[in-house]
Structures are given as C-alpha cells and as structure tokens.
Amino acid sequence: MGTAHTDHKYELSSGEVQSTTKIEQDEGHGNAAIIRCFEFAMNPQAFRERQPTKQDLFNAHYKGIEVALWKDGLKVLPEVNPRIIFDEKTLRYKIFVGAQPQRGHLLREKPQTLTEIAHG
C-alpha cells in the first residue's frame, strides 16, 4: 500500500487545457475545484503476475482517497475524471482527482483562475 500526500505545492512549467474559452477569458465564475494527488508504491510481484488496468488501480484506492479527502473537508468532484501517471523508474504511481469542499466547509486557500495559475 502507498501513502497519500495531500499538502503539495506544484510549480507549473507547462500545461495543456482543452476549452472553448481562452485562458485569458477565465473570470473565475462557479465553484472552486481542487486537484489532489495521491502517490502509491507499485508491488512489482503483483504487477508481474497480473498487470492491473488504470481502472483497477483507481477502484482499489477509491475508498482510501474518499476518506483522505473527507478528513480535509473535501469530497470527490465527479465531473473531473481522475488521472493516473506511472513512474517506472521509482516503481510508483500517482492518482490525481478533482475535489470540492463538503457542505459547510470553507477553503483555506484562495482559489485561482486559469490565468492566475498560468501567468503567476
């Protein structure tokens, strides 16, 4: 089993956004969306015996991810599809999920628009 990491700061060196709205036109309307990253170690023996799909891995960790988010006053944002990235060199993988504050919880961080993220 891996460990969940929830308090990471990331620097954006490049990014890709698919939208009909230009980044400069993002005025920050709507609810805040949070991206959380959870990192897990691969079990090399299990991966050799049966290569799990990304869906298998996500399903195996989903309840733990829900609990970790819940502890921070968040819940999974179902409109945002999770993403899994493998690092073959370190035998680790990361699961990125969208989250939103639970009812009655406030964000500690100030939400940023895409423009603010891209241009600092």
PDB file of N, CA and C in Angstrom:
ATOM      1  N   MET A   1       0.838  -1.181   0.000  1.00  0.00           N
ATOM      2  CA  MET A   1       0.000   0.000   0.000  1.00  0.00           C
ATOM      3  C   MET A   1       0.880   1.240   0.000  1.00  0.00           C
ATOM      4  N   GLY A   2       0.382   2.273  -0.587  1.00  0.00           N
ATOM      5  CA  GLY A   2       1.111   3.524  -0.634  1.00  0.00           C
ATOM      6  C   GLY A   2       0.588   4.482   0.413  1.00  0.00           C
ATOM      7  N   THR A   3       1.142   5.668   0.376  1.00  0.00           N
ATOM      8  CA  THR A   3       0.697   6.688   1.306  1.00  0.00           C
ATOM      9  C   THR A   3       0.115   7.839   0.511  1.00  0.00           C
ATOM     10  N   ALA A   4      -0.850   8.493   1.081  1.00  0.00           N
ATOM     11  CA  ALA A   4      -1.479   9.621   0.406  1.00  0.00           C
ATOM     12  C   ALA A   4      -0.759  10.906   0.781  1.00  0.00           C
ATOM     13  N   HIS A   5      -0.504  11.730  -0.206  1.00  0.00           N
ATOM     14  CA  HIS A   5       0.116  13.030   0.010  1.00  0.00           C
ATOM     15  C   HIS A   5      -0.903  14.083  -0.370  1.00  0.00           C
ATOM     16  N   THR A   6      -1.207  14.994   0.552  1.00  0.00           N
ATOM     17  CA  THR A   6      -2.264  15.947   0.274  1.00  0.00           C
ATOM     18  C   THR A   6      -1.850  17.406   0.399  1.00  0.00           C
ATOM     19  N   ASP A   7      -0.652  17.707   0.858  1.00  0.00           N
ATOM     20  CA  ASP A   7      -0.265  19.094   1.055  1.00  0.00           C
ATOM     21  C   ASP A   7       0.910  19.478   0.173  1.00  0.00           C
ATOM     22  N   HIS A   8       0.791  19.253  -1.117  1.00  0.00           N
ATOM     23  CA  HIS A   8       1.877  19.558  -2.038  1.00  0.00           C
ATOM     24  C   HIS A   8       1.634  20.883  -2.739  1.00  0.00           C
ATOM     25  N   LYS A   9       2.694  21.615  -2.962  1.00  0.00           N
ATOM     26  CA  LYS A   9       2.655  22.816  -3.794  1.00  0.00           C
ATOM     27  C   LYS A   9       3.333  22.438  -5.108  1.00  0.00           C
ATOM     28  N   TYR A  10       2.735  22.814  -6.215  1.00  0.00           N
ATOM     29  CA  TYR A  10       3.286  22.481  -7.514  1.00  0.00           C
ATOM     30  C   TYR A  10       3.610  23.740  -8.280  1.00  0.00           C
ATOM     31  N   GLU A  11       4.686  23.690  -9.057  1.00  0.00           N
ATOM     32  CA  GLU A  11       5.025  24.778  -9.952  1.00  0.00           C
ATOM     33  C   GLU A  11       4.632  24.347 -11.353  1.00  0.00           C
ATOM     34  N   LEU A  12       3.952  25.227 -12.053  1.00  0.00           N
ATOM     35  CA  LEU A  12       3.508  24.928 -13.402  1.00  0.00           C
ATOM     36  C   LEU A  12       4.551  25.417 -14.381  1.00  0.00           C
ATOM     37  N   SER A  13       5.215  24.482 -15.073  1.00  0.00           N
ATOM     38  CA  SER A  13       6.183  24.881 -16.080  1.00  0.00           C
ATOM     39  C   SER A  13       5.547  24.806 -17.454  1.00  0.00           C
ATOM     40  N   SER A  14       4.590  23.936 -17.626  1.00  0.00           N
ATOM     41  CA  SER A  14       3.828  23.864 -18.859  1.00  0.00           C
ATOM     42  C   SER A  14       2.507  23.188 -18.539  1.00  0.00           C
ATOM     43  N   GLY A  15       1.542  23.469 -19.343  1.00  0.00           N
ATOM     44  CA  GLY A  15       0.238  22.875 -19.101  1.00  0.00           C
ATOM     45  C   GLY A  15      -0.577  22.870 -20.372  1.00  0.00           C
ATOM     46  N   GLU A  16      -1.607  22.085 -20.362  1.00  0.00           N
ATOM     47  CA  GLU A  16      -2.486  21.999 -21.515  1.00  0.00           C
ATOM     48  C   GLU A  16      -3.916  22.016 -21.016  1.00  0.00           C
ATOM     49  N   VAL A  17      -4.710  22.862 -21.606  1.00  0.00           N
ATOM     50  CA  VAL A  17      -6.107  22.970 -21.243  1.00  0.00           C
ATOM     51  C   VAL A  17      -6.921  22.884 -22.508  1.00  0.00           C
ATOM     52  N   GLN A  18      -7.948  22.054 -22.487  1.00  0.00           N
ATOM     53  CA  GLN A  18      -8.845  21.966 -23.627  1.00  0.00           C
ATOM     54  C   GLN A  18     -10.135  22.662 -23.238  1.00  0.00           C
ATOM     55  N   SER A  19     -10.434  23.757 -23.925  1.00  0.00           N
ATOM     56  CA  SER A  19     -11.605  24.540 -23.583  1.00  0.00           C
ATOM     57  C   SER A  19     -11.992  25.407 -24.761  1.00  0.00           C
ATOM     58  N   THR A  20     -13.248  25.760 -24.805  1.00  0.00           N
ATOM     59  CA  THR A  20     -13.699  26.703 -25.824  1.00  0.00           C
ATOM     60  C   THR A  20     -13.447  28.132 -25.361  1.00  0.00           C
ATOM     61  N   THR A  21     -13.072  28.309 -24.105  1.00  0.00           N
ATOM     62  CA  THR A  21     -12.764  29.615 -23.532  1.00  0.00           C
ATOM     63  C   THR A  21     -11.253  29.784 -23.478  1.00  0.00           C
ATOM     64  N   LYS A  22     -10.760  30.931 -23.908  1.00  0.00           N
ATOM     65  CA  LYS A  22      -9.330  31.213 -23.810  1.00  0.00           C
ATOM     66  C   LYS A  22      -8.974  31.440 -22.343  1.00  0.00           C
ATOM     67  N   ILE A  23      -7.763  31.040 -21.964  1.00  0.00           N
ATOM     68  CA  ILE A  23      -7.326  31.171 -20.577  1.00  0.00           C
ATOM     69  C   ILE A  23      -7.488  32.603 -20.082  1.00  0.00           C
ATOM     70  N   GLU A  24      -7.175  33.569 -20.938  1.00  0.00           N
ATOM     71  CA  GLU A  24      -7.271  34.976 -20.539  1.00  0.00           C
ATOM     72  C   GLU A  24      -8.717  35.392 -20.265  1.00  0.00           C
ATOM     73  N   GLN A  25      -9.690  34.627 -20.752  1.00  0.00           N
ATOM     74  CA  GLN A  25     -11.095  34.965 -20.547  1.00  0.00           C
ATOM     75  C   GLN A  25     -11.681  34.311 -19.295  1.00  0.00           C
ATOM     76  N   ASP A  26     -10.909  33.506 -18.608  1.00  0.00           N
ATOM     77  CA  ASP A  26     -11.398  32.846 -17.389  1.00  0.00           C
ATOM     78  C   ASP A  26     -11.533  33.894 -16.297  1.00  0.00           C
ATOM     79  N   GLU A  27     -12.775  34.186 -15.918  1.00  0.00           N
ATOM     80  CA  GLU A  27     -13.034  35.205 -14.914  1.00  0.00           C
ATOM     81  C   GLU A  27     -13.272  34.610 -13.531  1.00  0.00           C
ATOM     82  N   GLY A  28     -13.199  33.290 -13.415  1.00  0.00           N
ATOM     83  CA  GLY A  28     -13.310  32.654 -12.111  1.00  0.00           C
ATOM     84  C   GLY A  28     -14.726  32.513 -11.594  1.00  0.00           C
ATOM     85  N   HIS A  29     -15.683  32.298 -12.468  1.00  0.00           N
ATOM     86  CA  HIS A  29     -17.059  32.091 -12.031  1.00  0.00           C
ATOM     87  C   HIS A  29     -17.276  30.634 -11.676  1.00  0.00           C
ATOM     88  N   GLY A  30     -18.225  30.369 -10.815  1.00  0.00           N
ATOM     89  CA  GLY A  30     -18.539  28.990 -10.448  1.00  0.00           C
ATOM     90  C   GLY A  30     -17.848  28.582  -9.162  1.00  0.00           C
ATOM     91  N   ASN A  31     -17.989  27.329  -8.849  1.00  0.00           N
ATOM     92  CA  ASN A  31     -17.417  26.796  -7.613  1.00  0.00           C
ATOM     93  C   ASN A  31     -15.942  26.451  -7.782  1.00  0.00           C
ATOM     94  N   ALA A  32     -15.229  26.456  -6.684  1.00  0.00           N
ATOM     95  CA  ALA A  32     -13.812  26.104  -6.699  1.00  0.00           C
ATOM     96  C   ALA A  32     -13.646  24.605  -6.928  1.00  0.00           C
ATOM     97  N   ALA A  33     -12.637  24.249  -7.689  1.00  0.00           N
ATOM     98  CA  ALA A  33     -12.264  22.849  -7.893  1.00  0.00           C
ATOM     99  C   ALA A  33     -10.828  22.686  -7.416  1.00  0.00           C
ATOM    100  N   ILE A  34     -10.584  21.628  -6.688  1.00  0.00           N
ATOM    101  CA  ILE A  34      -9.265  21.354  -6.126  1.00  0.00           C
ATOM    102  C   ILE A  34      -8.740  20.084  -6.790  1.00  0.00           C
ATOM    103  N   ILE A  35      -7.460  20.063  -7.129  1.00  0.00           N
ATOM    104  CA  ILE A  35      -6.836  18.854  -7.656  1.00  0.00           C
ATOM    105  C   ILE A  35      -5.936  18.303  -6.556  1.00  0.00           C
ATOM    106  N   ARG A  36      -6.171  17.069  -6.169  1.00  0.00           N
ATOM    107  CA  ARG A  36      -5.346  16.409  -5.153  1.00  0.00           C
ATOM    108  C   ARG A  36      -4.592  15.261  -5.798  1.00  0.00           C
ATOM    109  N   CYS A  37      -3.377  15.040  -5.315  1.00  0.00           N
ATOM    110  CA  CYS A  37      -2.514  13.985  -5.834  1.00  0.00           C
ATOM    111  C   CYS A  37      -2.239  12.990  -4.717  1.00  0.00           C
ATOM    112  N   PHE A  38      -2.434  11.714  -5.030  1.00  0.00           N
ATOM    113  CA  PHE A  38      -2.153  10.634  -4.094  1.00  0.00           C
ATOM    114  C   PHE A  38      -1.093   9.742  -4.741  1.00  0.00           C
ATOM    115  N   GLU A  39      -0.033   9.447  -4.011  1.00  0.00           N
ATOM    116  CA  GLU A  39       1.082   8.673  -4.557  1.00  0.00           C
ATOM    117  C   GLU A  39       1.151   7.307  -3.877  1.00  0.00           C
ATOM    118  N   PHE A  40       1.367   6.275  -4.697  1.00  0.00           N
ATOM    119  CA  PHE A  40       1.403   4.907  -4.203  1.00  0.00           C
ATOM    120  C   PHE A  40       2.612   4.182  -4.779  1.00  0.00           C
ATOM    121  N   ALA A  41       3.126   3.225  -4.017  1.00  0.00           N
ATOM    122  CA  ALA A  41       4.213   2.378  -4.477  1.00  0.00           C
ATOM    123  C   ALA A  41       3.627   1.167  -5.189  1.00  0.00           C
ATOM    124  N   MET A  42       4.265   0.775  -6.282  1.00  0.00           N
ATOM    125  CA  MET A  42       3.836  -0.421  -7.007  1.00  0.00           C
ATOM    126  C   MET A  42       4.336  -1.660  -6.273  1.00  0.00           C
ATOM    127  N   ASN A  43       3.581  -2.712  -6.359  1.00  0.00           N
ATOM    128  CA  ASN A  43       4.017  -4.012  -5.872  1.00  0.00           C
ATOM    129  C   ASN A  43       4.542  -4.756  -7.098  1.00  0.00           C
ATOM    130  N   PRO A  44       5.866  -4.808  -7.289  1.00  0.00           N
ATOM    131  CA  PRO A  44       6.421  -5.399  -8.512  1.00  0.00           C
ATOM    132  C   PRO A  44       5.948  -6.835  -8.756  1.00  0.00           C
ATOM    133  N   GLN A  45       5.841  -7.623  -7.703  1.00  0.00           N
ATOM    134  CA  GLN A  45       5.397  -9.010  -7.853  1.00  0.00           C
ATOM    135  C   GLN A  45       3.967  -9.061  -8.389  1.00  0.00           C
ATOM    136  N   ALA A  46       3.099  -8.279  -7.816  1.00  0.00           N
ATOM    137  CA  ALA A  46       1.700  -8.254  -8.259  1.00  0.00           C
ATOM    138  C   ALA A  46       1.592  -7.755  -9.697  1.00  0.00           C
ATOM    139  N   PHE A  47       2.401  -6.755 -10.054  1.00  0.00           N
ATOM    140  CA  PHE A  47       2.367  -6.222 -11.415  1.00  0.00           C
ATOM    141  C   PHE A  47       2.896  -7.235 -12.425  1.00  0.00           C
ATOM    142  N   ARG A  48       3.842  -8.097 -12.001  1.00  0.00           N
ATOM    143  CA  ARG A  48       4.360  -9.132 -12.912  1.00  0.00           C
ATOM    144  C   ARG A  48       3.325 -10.235 -13.126  1.00  0.00           C
ATOM    145  N   GLU A  49       2.625 -10.596 -12.056  1.00  0.00           N
ATOM    146  CA  GLU A  49       1.644 -11.679 -12.151  1.00  0.00           C
ATOM    147  C   GLU A  49       0.421 -11.265 -12.953  1.00  0.00           C
ATOM    148  N   ARG A  50      -0.032 -10.066 -12.734  1.00  0.00           N
ATOM    149  CA  ARG A  50      -1.211  -9.583 -13.450  1.00  0.00           C
ATOM    150  C   ARG A  50      -1.117  -8.068 -13.547  1.00  0.00           C
ATOM    151  N   GLN A  51      -1.001  -7.574 -14.760  1.00  0.00           N
ATOM    152  CA  GLN A  51      -0.900  -6.129 -14.978  1.00  0.00           C
ATOM    153  C   GLN A  51      -2.279  -5.496 -14.778  1.00  0.00           C
ATOM    154  N   PRO A  52      -2.482  -4.761 -13.671  1.00  0.00           N
ATOM    155  CA  PRO A  52      -3.789  -4.141 -13.445  1.00  0.00           C
ATOM    156  C   PRO A  52      -4.003  -2.975 -14.409  1.00  0.00           C
ATOM    157  N   THR A  53      -5.244  -2.732 -14.753  1.00  0.00           N
ATOM    158  CA  THR A  53      -5.573  -1.577 -15.585  1.00  0.00           C
ATOM    159  C   THR A  53      -5.603  -0.333 -14.697  1.00  0.00           C
ATOM    160  N   LYS A  54      -5.629   0.825 -15.312  1.00  0.00           N
ATOM    161  CA  LYS A  54      -5.738   2.059 -14.540  1.00  0.00           C
ATOM    162  C   LYS A  54      -7.046   2.065 -13.746  1.00  0.00           C
ATOM    163  N   GLN A  55      -8.097   1.529 -14.355  1.00  0.00           N
ATOM    164  CA  GLN A  55      -9.382   1.476 -13.650  1.00  0.00           C
ATOM    165  C   GLN A  55      -9.293   0.564 -12.430  1.00  0.00           C
ATOM    166  N   ASP A  56      -8.588  -0.586 -12.573  1.00  0.00           N
ATOM    167  CA  ASP A  56      -8.390  -1.496 -11.434  1.00  0.00           C
ATOM    168  C   ASP A  56      -7.687  -0.773 -10.285  1.00  0.00           C
ATOM    169  N   LEU A  57      -6.624  -0.026 -10.617  1.00  0.00           N
ATOM    170  CA  LEU A  57      -5.866   0.680  -9.586  1.00  0.00           C
ATOM    171  C   LEU A  57      -6.721   1.755  -8.922  1.00  0.00           C
ATOM    172  N   PHE A  58      -7.456   2.520  -9.722  1.00  0.00           N
ATOM    173  CA  PHE A  58      -8.308   3.561  -9.156  1.00  0.00           C
ATOM    174  C   PHE A  58      -9.364   2.945  -8.244  1.00  0.00           C
ATOM    175  N   ASN A  59     -10.003   1.872  -8.701  1.00  0.00           N
ATOM    176  CA  ASN A  59     -11.028   1.209  -7.898  1.00  0.00           C
ATOM    177  C   ASN A  59     -10.459   0.697  -6.573  1.00  0.00           C
ATOM    178  N   ALA A  60      -9.225   0.181  -6.619  1.00  0.00           N
ATOM    179  CA  ALA A  60      -8.597  -0.361  -5.411  1.00  0.00           C
ATOM    180  C   ALA A  60      -8.318   0.728  -4.376  1.00  0.00           C
ATOM    181  N   HIS A  61      -8.084   1.958  -4.814  1.00  0.00           N
ATOM    182  CA  HIS A  61      -7.720   3.048  -3.909  1.00  0.00           C
ATOM    183  C   HIS A  61      -8.853   4.024  -3.632  1.00  0.00           C
ATOM    184  N   TYR A  62      -9.990   3.865  -4.295  1.00  0.00           N
ATOM    185  CA  TYR A  62     -11.048   4.871  -4.239  1.00  0.00           C
ATOM    186  C   TYR A  62     -11.530   5.157  -2.807  1.00  0.00           C
ATOM    187  N   LYS A  63     -11.806   4.124  -2.035  1.00  0.00           N
ATOM    188  CA  LYS A  63     -12.317   4.339  -0.670  1.00  0.00           C
ATOM    189  C   LYS A  63     -11.295   5.087   0.189  1.00  0.00           C
ATOM    190  N   GLY A  64     -10.025   4.734   0.056  1.00  0.00           N
ATOM    191  CA  GLY A  64      -8.980   5.421   0.811  1.00  0.00           C
ATOM    192  C   GLY A  64      -8.855   6.883   0.400  1.00  0.00           C
ATOM    193  N   ILE A  65      -9.005   7.157  -0.891  1.00  0.00           N
ATOM    194  CA  ILE A  65      -8.969   8.527  -1.394  1.00  0.00           C
ATOM    195  C   ILE A  65     -10.148   9.311  -0.827  1.00  0.00           C
ATOM    196  N   GLU A  66     -11.336   8.697  -0.836  1.00  0.00           N
ATOM    197  CA  GLU A  66     -12.514   9.357  -0.274  1.00  0.00           C
ATOM    198  C   GLU A  66     -12.310   9.722   1.196  1.00  0.00           C
ATOM    199  N   VAL A  67     -11.740   8.805   1.960  1.00  0.00           N
ATOM    200  CA  VAL A  67     -11.505   9.047   3.388  1.00  0.00           C
ATOM    201  C   VAL A  67     -10.483  10.173   3.579  1.00  0.00           C
ATOM    202  N   ALA A  68      -9.399  10.150   2.806  1.00  0.00           N
ATOM    203  CA  ALA A  68      -8.380  11.194   2.927  1.00  0.00           C
ATOM    204  C   ALA A  68      -8.976  12.566   2.595  1.00  0.00           C
ATOM    205  N   LEU A  69      -9.796  12.639   1.558  1.00  0.00           N
ATOM    206  CA  LEU A  69     -10.445  13.905   1.206  1.00  0.00           C
ATOM    207  C   LEU A  69     -11.405  14.339   2.314  1.00  0.00           C
ATOM    208  N   TRP A  70     -12.186  13.382   2.812  1.00  0.00           N
ATOM    209  CA  TRP A  70     -13.169  13.676   3.864  1.00  0.00           C
ATOM    210  C   TRP A  70     -12.496  14.292   5.087  1.00  0.00           C
ATOM    211  N   LYS A  71     -11.317  13.766   5.453  1.00  0.00           N
ATOM    212  CA  LYS A  71     -10.586  14.288   6.611  1.00  0.00           C
ATOM    213  C   LYS A  71     -10.207  15.749   6.421  1.00  0.00           C
ATOM    214  N   ASP A  72     -10.050  16.174   5.157  1.00  0.00           N
ATOM    215  CA  ASP A  72      -9.706  17.566   4.847  1.00  0.00           C
ATOM    216  C   ASP A  72     -10.931  18.416   4.523  1.00  0.00           C
ATOM    217  N   GLY A  73     -12.133  17.862   4.742  1.00  0.00           N
ATOM    218  CA  GLY A  73     -13.353  18.616   4.471  1.00  0.00           C
ATOM    219  C   GLY A  73     -13.700  18.684   2.997  1.00  0.00           C
ATOM    220  N   LEU A  74     -13.216  17.712   2.222  1.00  0.00           N
ATOM    221  CA  LEU A  74     -13.443  17.690   0.777  1.00  0.00           C
ATOM    222  C   LEU A  74     -14.203  16.433   0.372  1.00  0.00           C
ATOM    223  N   LYS A  75     -14.712  16.446  -0.845  1.00  0.00           N
ATOM    224  CA  LYS A  75     -15.321  15.259  -1.439  1.00  0.00           C
ATOM    225  C   LYS A  75     -14.939  15.213  -2.909  1.00  0.00           C
ATOM    226  N   VAL A  76     -15.007  14.025  -3.486  1.00  0.00           N
ATOM    227  CA  VAL A  76     -14.648  13.832  -4.894  1.00  0.00           C
ATOM    228  C   VAL A  76     -15.574  14.670  -5.761  1.00  0.00           C
ATOM    229  N   LEU A  77     -15.010  15.304  -6.765  1.00  0.00           N
ATOM    230  CA  LEU A  77     -15.763  16.070  -7.744  1.00  0.00           C
ATOM    231  C   LEU A  77     -15.979  15.153  -8.949  1.00  0.00           C
ATOM    232  N   PRO A  78     -17.166  14.562  -9.072  1.00  0.00           N
ATOM    233  CA  PRO A  78     -17.373  13.531 -10.096  1.00  0.00           C
ATOM    234  C   PRO A  78     -17.262  14.034 -11.536  1.00  0.00           C
ATOM    235  N   GLU A  79     -17.392  15.347 -11.755  1.00  0.00           N
ATOM    236  CA  GLU A  79     -17.291  15.886 -13.114  1.00  0.00           C
ATOM    237  C   GLU A  79     -15.866  15.877 -13.653  1.00  0.00           C
ATOM    238  N   VAL A  80     -14.892  15.704 -12.763  1.00  0.00           N
ATOM    239  CA  VAL A  80     -13.483  15.697 -13.168  1.00  0.00           C
ATOM    240  C   VAL A  80     -12.993  14.254 -13.172  1.00  0.00           C
ATOM    241  N   ASN A  81     -12.619  13.760 -14.341  1.00  0.00           N
ATOM    242  CA  ASN A  81     -12.118  12.393 -14.440  1.00  0.00           C
ATOM    243  C   ASN A  81     -10.750  12.279 -13.777  1.00  0.00           C
ATOM    244  N   PRO A  82     -10.530  11.224 -12.988  1.00  0.00           N
ATOM    245  CA  PRO A  82      -9.215  11.040 -12.361  1.00  0.00           C
ATOM    246  C   PRO A  82      -8.158  10.730 -13.417  1.00  0.00           C
ATOM    247  N   ARG A  83      -6.912  10.957 -13.045  1.00  0.00           N
ATOM    248  CA  ARG A  83      -5.795  10.668 -13.956  1.00  0.00           C
ATOM    249  C   ARG A  83      -4.746   9.899 -13.177  1.00  0.00           C
ATOM    250  N   ILE A  84      -4.165   8.901 -13.824  1.00  0.00           N
ATOM    251  CA  ILE A  84      -3.118   8.099 -13.202  1.00  0.00           C
ATOM    252  C   ILE A  84      -1.857   8.207 -14.044  1.00  0.00           C
ATOM    253  N   ILE A  85      -0.744   8.482 -13.371  1.00  0.00           N
ATOM    254  CA  ILE A  85       0.555   8.595 -14.042  1.00  0.00           C
ATOM    255  C   ILE A  85       1.516   7.621 -13.381  1.00  0.00           C
ATOM    256  N   PHE A  86       2.219   6.830 -14.201  1.00  0.00           N
ATOM    257  CA  PHE A  86       3.180   5.842 -13.715  1.00  0.00           C
ATOM    258  C   PHE A  86       4.594   6.383 -13.823  1.00  0.00           C
ATOM    259  N   ASP A  87       5.432   6.049 -12.839  1.00  0.00           N
ATOM    260  CA  ASP A  87       6.861   6.337 -12.889  1.00  0.00           C
ATOM    261  C   ASP A  87       7.576   4.990 -12.776  1.00  0.00           C
ATOM    262  N   GLU A  88       7.951   4.458 -13.909  1.00  0.00           N
ATOM    263  CA  GLU A  88       8.572   3.135 -13.965  1.00  0.00           C
ATOM    264  C   GLU A  88       9.918   3.095 -13.232  1.00  0.00           C
ATOM    265  N   LYS A  89      10.639   4.212 -13.221  1.00  0.00           N
ATOM    266  CA  LYS A  89      11.963   4.239 -12.579  1.00  0.00           C
ATOM    267  C   LYS A  89      11.870   4.077 -11.066  1.00  0.00           C
ATOM    268  N   THR A  90      10.893   4.737 -10.451  1.00  0.00           N
ATOM    269  CA  THR A  90      10.770   4.680  -8.996  1.00  0.00           C
ATOM    270  C   THR A  90       9.756   3.642  -8.541  1.00  0.00           C
ATOM    271  N   LEU A  91       9.086   2.986  -9.491  1.00  0.00           N
ATOM    272  CA  LEU A  91       8.045   1.996  -9.211  1.00  0.00           C
ATOM    273  C   LEU A  91       6.933   2.606  -8.346  1.00  0.00           C
ATOM    274  N   ARG A  92       6.496   3.793  -8.758  1.00  0.00           N
ATOM    275  CA  ARG A  92       5.415   4.492  -8.064  1.00  0.00           C
ATOM    276  C   ARG A  92       4.401   4.953  -9.102  1.00  0.00           C
ATOM    277  N   TYR A  93       3.206   5.254  -8.629  1.00  0.00           N
ATOM    278  CA  TYR A  93       2.200   5.865  -9.494  1.00  0.00           C
ATOM    279  C   TYR A  93       1.407   6.885  -8.698  1.00  0.00           C
ATOM    280  N   LYS A  94       0.904   7.876  -9.410  1.00  0.00           N
ATOM    281  CA  LYS A  94       0.150   8.957  -8.789  1.00  0.00           C
ATOM    282  C   LYS A  94      -1.262   8.957  -9.350  1.00  0.00           C
ATOM    283  N   ILE A  95      -2.218   9.189  -8.474  1.00  0.00           N
ATOM    284  CA  ILE A  95      -3.609   9.322  -8.877  1.00  0.00           C
ATOM    285  C   ILE A  95      -4.030  10.749  -8.558  1.00  0.00           C
ATOM    286  N   PHE A  96      -4.452  11.474  -9.578  1.00  0.00           N
ATOM    287  CA  PHE A  96      -4.929  12.841  -9.430  1.00  0.00           C
ATOM    288  C   PHE A  96      -6.450  12.814  -9.491  1.00  0.00           C
ATOM    289  N   VAL A  97      -7.097  13.454  -8.528  1.00  0.00           N
ATOM    290  CA  VAL A  97      -8.560  13.515  -8.511  1.00  0.00           C
ATOM    291  C   VAL A  97      -9.008  14.959  -8.294  1.00  0.00           C
ATOM    292  N   GLY A  98     -10.157  15.274  -8.844  1.00  0.00           N
ATOM    293  CA  GLY A  98     -10.786  16.563  -8.602  1.00  0.00           C
ATOM    294  C   GLY A  98     -11.587  16.473  -7.311  1.00  0.00           C
ATOM    295  N   ALA A  99     -11.593  17.546  -6.553  1.00  0.00           N
ATOM    296  CA  ALA A  99     -12.332  17.565  -5.285  1.00  0.00           C
ATOM    297  C   ALA A  99     -12.997  18.919  -5.104  1.00  0.00           C
ATOM    298  N   GLN A 100     -13.956  18.935  -4.205  1.00  0.00           N
ATOM    299  CA  GLN A 100     -14.635  20.181  -3.856  1.00  0.00           C
ATOM    300  C   GLN A 100     -14.937  20.173  -2.368  1.00  0.00           C
ATOM    301  N   PRO A 101     -15.108  21.352  -1.774  1.00  0.00           N
ATOM    302  CA  PRO A 101     -15.403  21.395  -0.337  1.00  0.00           C
ATOM    303  C   PRO A 101     -16.745  20.726  -0.037  1.00  0.00           C
ATOM    304  N   GLN A 102     -16.802  20.025   1.087  1.00  0.00           N
ATOM    305  CA  GLN A 102     -18.065  19.459   1.539  1.00  0.00           C
ATOM    306  C   GLN A 102     -18.952  20.598   2.010  1.00  0.00           C
ATOM    307  N   ARG A 103     -20.244  20.339   2.046  1.00  0.00           N
ATOM    308  CA  ARG A 103     -21.187  21.353   2.520  1.00  0.00           C
ATOM    309  C   ARG A 103     -20.796  21.781   3.933  1.00  0.00           C
ATOM    310  N   GLY A 104     -20.733  23.085   4.133  1.00  0.00           N
ATOM    311  CA  GLY A 104     -20.387  23.620   5.448  1.00  0.00           C
ATOM    312  C   GLY A 104     -18.898  23.833   5.668  1.00  0.00           C
ATOM    313  N   HIS A 105     -18.040  23.427   4.728  1.00  0.00           N
ATOM    314  CA  HIS A 105     -16.593  23.607   4.858  1.00  0.00           C
ATOM    315  C   HIS A 105     -16.130  24.730   3.942  1.00  0.00           C
ATOM    316  N   LEU A 106     -15.156  25.468   4.400  1.00  0.00           N
ATOM    317  CA  LEU A 106     -14.596  26.558   3.611  1.00  0.00           C
ATOM    318  C   LEU A 106     -13.195  26.196   3.147  1.00  0.00           C
ATOM    319  N   LEU A 107     -12.812  26.732   2.001  1.00  0.00           N
ATOM    320  CA  LEU A 107     -11.452  26.536   1.501  1.00  0.00           C
ATOM    321  C   LEU A 107     -10.479  27.367   2.322  1.00  0.00           C
ATOM    322  N   ARG A 108      -9.338  26.794   2.630  1.00  0.00           N
ATOM    323  CA  ARG A 108      -8.294  27.537   3.341  1.00  0.00           C
ATOM    324  C   ARG A 108      -7.468  28.368   2.372  1.00  0.00           C
ATOM    325  N   GLU A 109      -7.328  27.875   1.146  1.00  0.00           N
ATOM    326  CA  GLU A 109      -6.542  28.566   0.138  1.00  0.00           C
ATOM    327  C   GLU A 109      -7.450  29.464  -0.691  1.00  0.00           C
ATOM    328  N   LYS A 110      -6.865  30.499  -1.295  1.00  0.00           N
ATOM    329  CA  LYS A 110      -7.617  31.366  -2.190  1.00  0.00           C
ATOM    330  C   LYS A 110      -7.668  30.692  -3.565  1.00  0.00           C
ATOM    331  N   PRO A 111      -8.869  30.465  -4.097  1.00  0.00           N
ATOM    332  CA  PRO A 111      -8.963  29.869  -5.441  1.00  0.00           C
ATOM    333  C   PRO A 111      -8.318  30.784  -6.485  1.00  0.00           C
ATOM    334  N   GLN A 112      -7.726  30.177  -7.515  1.00  0.00           N
ATOM    335  CA  GLN A 112      -7.094  30.920  -8.599  1.00  0.00           C
ATOM    336  C   GLN A 112      -7.770  30.596  -9.916  1.00  0.00           C
ATOM    337  N   THR A 113      -7.816  31.570 -10.805  1.00  0.00           N
ATOM    338  CA  THR A 113      -8.306  31.321 -12.151  1.00  0.00           C
ATOM    339  C   THR A 113      -7.195  30.662 -12.964  1.00  0.00           C
ATOM    340  N   LEU A 114      -7.528  30.142 -14.122  1.00  0.00           N
ATOM    341  CA  LEU A 114      -6.509  29.566 -15.011  1.00  0.00           C
ATOM    342  C   LEU A 114      -5.478  30.615 -15.389  1.00  0.00           C
ATOM    343  N   THR A 115      -5.899  31.854 -15.592  1.00  0.00           N
ATOM    344  CA  THR A 115      -4.979  32.929 -15.924  1.00  0.00           C
ATOM    345  C   THR A 115      -3.957  33.137 -14.817  1.00  0.00           C
ATOM    346  N   GLU A 116      -4.419  33.158 -13.569  1.00  0.00           N
ATOM    347  CA  GLU A 116      -3.512  33.360 -12.435  1.00  0.00           C
ATOM    348  C   GLU A 116      -2.524  32.207 -12.306  1.00  0.00           C
ATOM    349  N   ILE A 117      -2.984  30.992 -12.546  1.00  0.00           N
ATOM    350  CA  ILE A 117      -2.099  29.827 -12.468  1.00  0.00           C
ATOM    351  C   ILE A 117      -1.058  29.869 -13.573  1.00  0.00           C
ATOM    352  N   ALA A 118      -1.492  30.167 -14.801  1.00  0.00           N
ATOM    353  CA  ALA A 118      -0.592  30.144 -15.950  1.00  0.00           C
ATOM    354  C   ALA A 118       0.404  31.295 -15.946  1.00  0.00           C
ATOM    355  N   HIS A 119      -0.006  32.448 -15.440  1.00  0.00           N
ATOM    356  CA  HIS A 119       0.855  33.638 -15.516  1.00  0.00           C
ATOM    357  C   HIS A 119       1.435  34.061 -14.176  1.00  0.00           C
ATOM    358  N   GLY A 120       1.157  33.279 -13.138  1.00  0.00           N
ATOM    359  CA  GLY A 120       1.757  33.552 -11.835  1.00  0.00           C
ATOM    360  C   GLY A 120       1.170  34.699 -11.187  1.00  0.00           C
TER     361      GLY A 120
END
